[in-house]
Amino acid sequence: MTNAEARERFQQYRDVAGPIDTALLDAVFDALEPITCESMFGAWKGGELKTGHKGSHALKALKWHGKTFNSRLDAKPLMCYDEQGKLFSSQAMKGEASLWMVEFRGKVSACMVYDAQPVFDHFRRVDDRTVMGIMDGKDQVFDNGKHFYFYLERE
C-alpha cells in the first residue's frame, strides 16, 4: 500500500462505527510516514479507531479529550474533562510521559513513552494536522492480543 492509499483508507476507517479489523489498521499504519518529536509539540484532540478494544471504555470513563506535548520531556497523555468541563491532565496512568524517536515495525518515528507504565504510543503522520497512533507495551494494553488504535488532530 502506498502512503497516499494509506491516508485515504485512514479517512475511511476514521468514521466507521466499527468494529474495524485490526489487520486493516496495521496495513494503514505501516504504510504511513514517520513523524518527528518536534512535530508533535502542541495540543491534540484524540479519537479512537473503533476495533472494540477494552481501552475504549476506559477513555470514555476518564472523559478523555486528547494529548498535549509541551516538549520532549513534558508530555500529557491523558488530557481529560473534569466535572465542570475544564481540561486537566489526569494521572490515571500514574504520571506523565516523554517523547522519543523509537523504531516500531521497521520505521523510526515519534513515540510517547509513559513515565510509570510499560506503555508506548507510536505515531505516524497522516497529514499536517493528523497522526495515527498505536498503543503498545506489556500485556495490560492488549485486548485479546490486539493493540489499541487511535488518532490525534492538532488543535
Protein backbone atom coordinates (compact mmCIF):
# COMPACT_ATOMS: atom_id res chain seq x y z
CA MET A 1 0.00 0.00 0.00
CA THR A 2 1.33 3.46 -0.85
CA ASN A 3 1.37 6.36 1.60
CA ALA A 4 -1.40 8.09 -0.40
CA GLU A 5 -3.57 4.97 -0.26
CA ALA A 6 -2.93 4.67 3.48
CA ARG A 7 -4.05 8.27 4.06
CA GLU A 8 -7.22 7.65 2.05
CA ARG A 9 -8.04 4.44 3.91
CA PHE A 10 -7.35 6.12 7.27
CA GLN A 11 -10.00 8.73 6.43
CA GLN A 12 -12.47 5.95 5.58
CA TYR A 13 -11.80 3.95 8.75
CA ARG A 14 -11.83 7.01 11.00
CA ASP A 15 -15.57 7.45 10.61
CA VAL A 16 -16.57 3.77 10.66
CA ALA A 17 -18.81 2.81 13.59
CA GLY A 18 -16.82 -0.41 13.94
CA PRO A 19 -15.64 -2.85 14.61
CA ILE A 20 -12.70 -2.45 12.26
CA ASP A 21 -10.41 -5.42 11.64
CA THR A 22 -7.05 -4.59 13.22
CA ALA A 23 -5.22 -6.18 10.27
CA LEU A 24 -6.63 -3.41 8.07
CA LEU A 25 -5.44 -0.74 10.53
CA ASP A 26 -2.00 -2.37 10.75
CA ALA A 27 -1.62 -2.12 6.98
CA VAL A 28 -2.57 1.58 7.05
CA PHE A 29 -0.26 2.38 9.96
CA ASP A 30 2.68 0.54 8.41
CA ALA A 31 2.33 2.48 5.14
CA LEU A 32 2.20 5.91 6.81
CA GLU A 33 5.33 8.05 7.09
CA PRO A 34 7.19 8.70 10.36
CA ILE A 35 6.85 11.98 12.26
CA THR A 36 9.44 13.81 14.39
CA CYS A 37 9.04 14.51 18.09
CA GLU A 38 9.15 18.25 17.46
CA SER A 39 6.25 17.94 15.00
CA MET A 40 4.16 16.57 17.88
CA PHE A 41 4.54 19.68 20.07
CA GLY A 42 1.22 21.34 20.91
CA ALA A 43 -2.30 20.33 21.89
CA TRP A 44 -4.11 17.47 20.14
CA LYS A 45 -7.70 16.24 20.25
CA GLY A 46 -7.95 12.48 20.27
CA GLY A 47 -10.27 9.87 18.86
CA GLU A 48 -10.31 6.11 18.63
CA LEU A 49 -10.38 3.85 15.63
CA LYS A 50 -13.22 1.56 16.63
CA THR A 51 -11.97 -2.00 16.95
CA GLY A 52 -13.94 -2.92 20.08
CA HIS A 53 -10.81 -2.70 22.26
CA LYS A 54 -11.43 -2.56 26.03
CA GLY A 55 -9.34 0.64 26.21
CA SER A 56 -12.23 2.49 24.62
CA HIS A 57 -14.33 2.09 27.77
CA ALA A 58 -11.53 3.35 30.00
CA LEU A 59 -11.04 6.50 27.90
CA LYS A 60 -14.78 7.23 27.91
CA ALA A 61 -14.88 6.84 31.70
CA LEU A 62 -11.97 9.30 32.02
CA LYS A 63 -13.67 11.76 29.64
CA TRP A 64 -10.51 11.76 27.51
CA HIS A 65 -10.03 14.75 25.25
CA GLY A 66 -6.55 14.21 23.82
CA LYS A 67 -2.84 14.75 24.47
CA THR A 68 -0.56 17.74 24.93
CA PHE A 69 3.15 17.78 24.11
CA ASN A 70 4.97 20.79 25.60
CA SER A 71 8.47 19.45 24.92
CA ARG A 72 10.23 16.13 24.51
CA LEU A 73 10.28 15.63 28.28
CA ASP A 74 6.86 17.15 29.06
CA ALA A 75 4.03 15.15 27.54
CA LYS A 76 0.50 14.94 28.94
CA PRO A 77 -1.04 11.68 27.67
CA LEU A 78 -4.46 11.98 29.27
CA MET A 79 -5.98 15.42 28.87
CA CYS A 80 -9.47 14.88 30.27
CA TYR A 81 -12.54 16.87 31.26
CA ASP A 82 -13.43 17.37 34.92
CA GLU A 83 -16.99 17.61 36.23
CA GLN A 84 -17.12 21.32 35.32
CA GLY A 85 -15.97 20.66 31.76
CA LYS A 86 -12.46 22.03 32.30
CA LEU A 87 -9.43 20.22 30.84
CA PHE A 88 -6.86 18.74 33.21
CA SER A 89 -4.00 16.26 32.99
CA SER A 90 -5.29 13.01 34.51
CA GLN A 91 -2.87 10.87 36.47
CA ALA A 92 -4.78 7.65 35.70
CA MET A 93 -1.60 6.21 34.12
CA LYS A 94 0.37 7.14 37.30
CA GLY A 95 2.18 10.09 35.77
CA GLU A 96 3.02 11.89 32.58
CA ALA A 97 5.19 10.89 29.62
CA SER A 98 8.00 11.92 27.26
CA LEU A 99 8.64 11.81 23.52
CA TRP A 100 11.36 9.71 21.92
CA MET A 101 12.27 8.56 18.43
CA VAL A 102 11.65 4.79 18.53
CA GLU A 103 11.76 2.05 15.90
CA PHE A 104 8.47 0.20 15.52
CA ARG A 105 7.71 -2.09 12.59
CA GLY A 106 10.75 -1.01 10.65
CA LYS A 107 10.37 2.78 10.90
CA VAL A 108 11.80 5.24 13.41
CA SER A 109 9.12 7.73 14.43
CA ALA A 110 7.92 9.79 17.39
CA CYS A 111 6.76 7.68 20.32
CA MET A 112 5.26 8.74 23.63
CA VAL A 113 6.77 6.74 26.49
CA TYR A 114 4.72 6.74 29.69
CA ASP A 115 6.72 7.60 32.82
CA ALA A 116 5.31 4.97 35.19
CA GLN A 117 3.81 2.31 32.91
CA PRO A 118 5.33 -0.06 30.34
CA VAL A 119 3.29 1.65 27.61
CA PHE A 120 4.34 3.23 24.31
CA ASP A 121 2.19 5.25 21.90
CA HIS A 122 3.73 5.01 18.43
CA PHE A 123 2.81 7.77 15.96
CA ARG A 124 2.76 8.05 12.17
CA ARG A 125 1.89 11.09 10.08
CA VAL A 126 -1.41 11.11 8.18
CA ASP A 127 -1.24 14.78 7.14
CA ASP A 128 -0.15 18.15 8.56
CA ARG A 129 -2.89 18.09 11.20
CA THR A 130 -3.45 14.38 11.89
CA VAL A 131 -1.44 11.46 13.24
CA MET A 132 -2.39 7.82 13.72
CA GLY A 133 -1.32 6.06 16.89
CA ILE A 134 -0.91 2.53 18.17
CA MET A 135 -0.69 1.86 21.90
CA ASP A 136 1.88 -0.84 22.58
CA GLY A 137 3.56 -2.25 25.67
CA LYS A 138 3.17 -5.04 28.16
CA ASP A 139 0.14 -7.31 28.40
CA GLN A 140 -2.22 -4.82 30.08
CA VAL A 141 -2.53 -2.67 26.93
CA PHE A 142 -3.63 -5.57 24.75
CA ASP A 143 -7.15 -6.88 24.36
CA ASN A 144 -7.07 -10.49 23.18
CA GLY A 145 -3.62 -9.82 21.71
CA LYS A 146 -4.76 -6.66 19.86
CA HIS A 147 -3.33 -3.15 20.12
CA PHE A 148 -5.39 -0.01 20.81
CA TYR A 149 -5.63 2.21 17.68
CA PHE A 150 -6.32 5.93 17.85
CA TYR A 151 -5.71 9.24 16.12
CA LEU A 152 -4.85 12.78 17.11
CA GLU A 153 -5.87 16.01 15.38
CA ARG A 154 -3.94 19.21 16.01
CA GLU A 155 -5.94 21.85 17.87
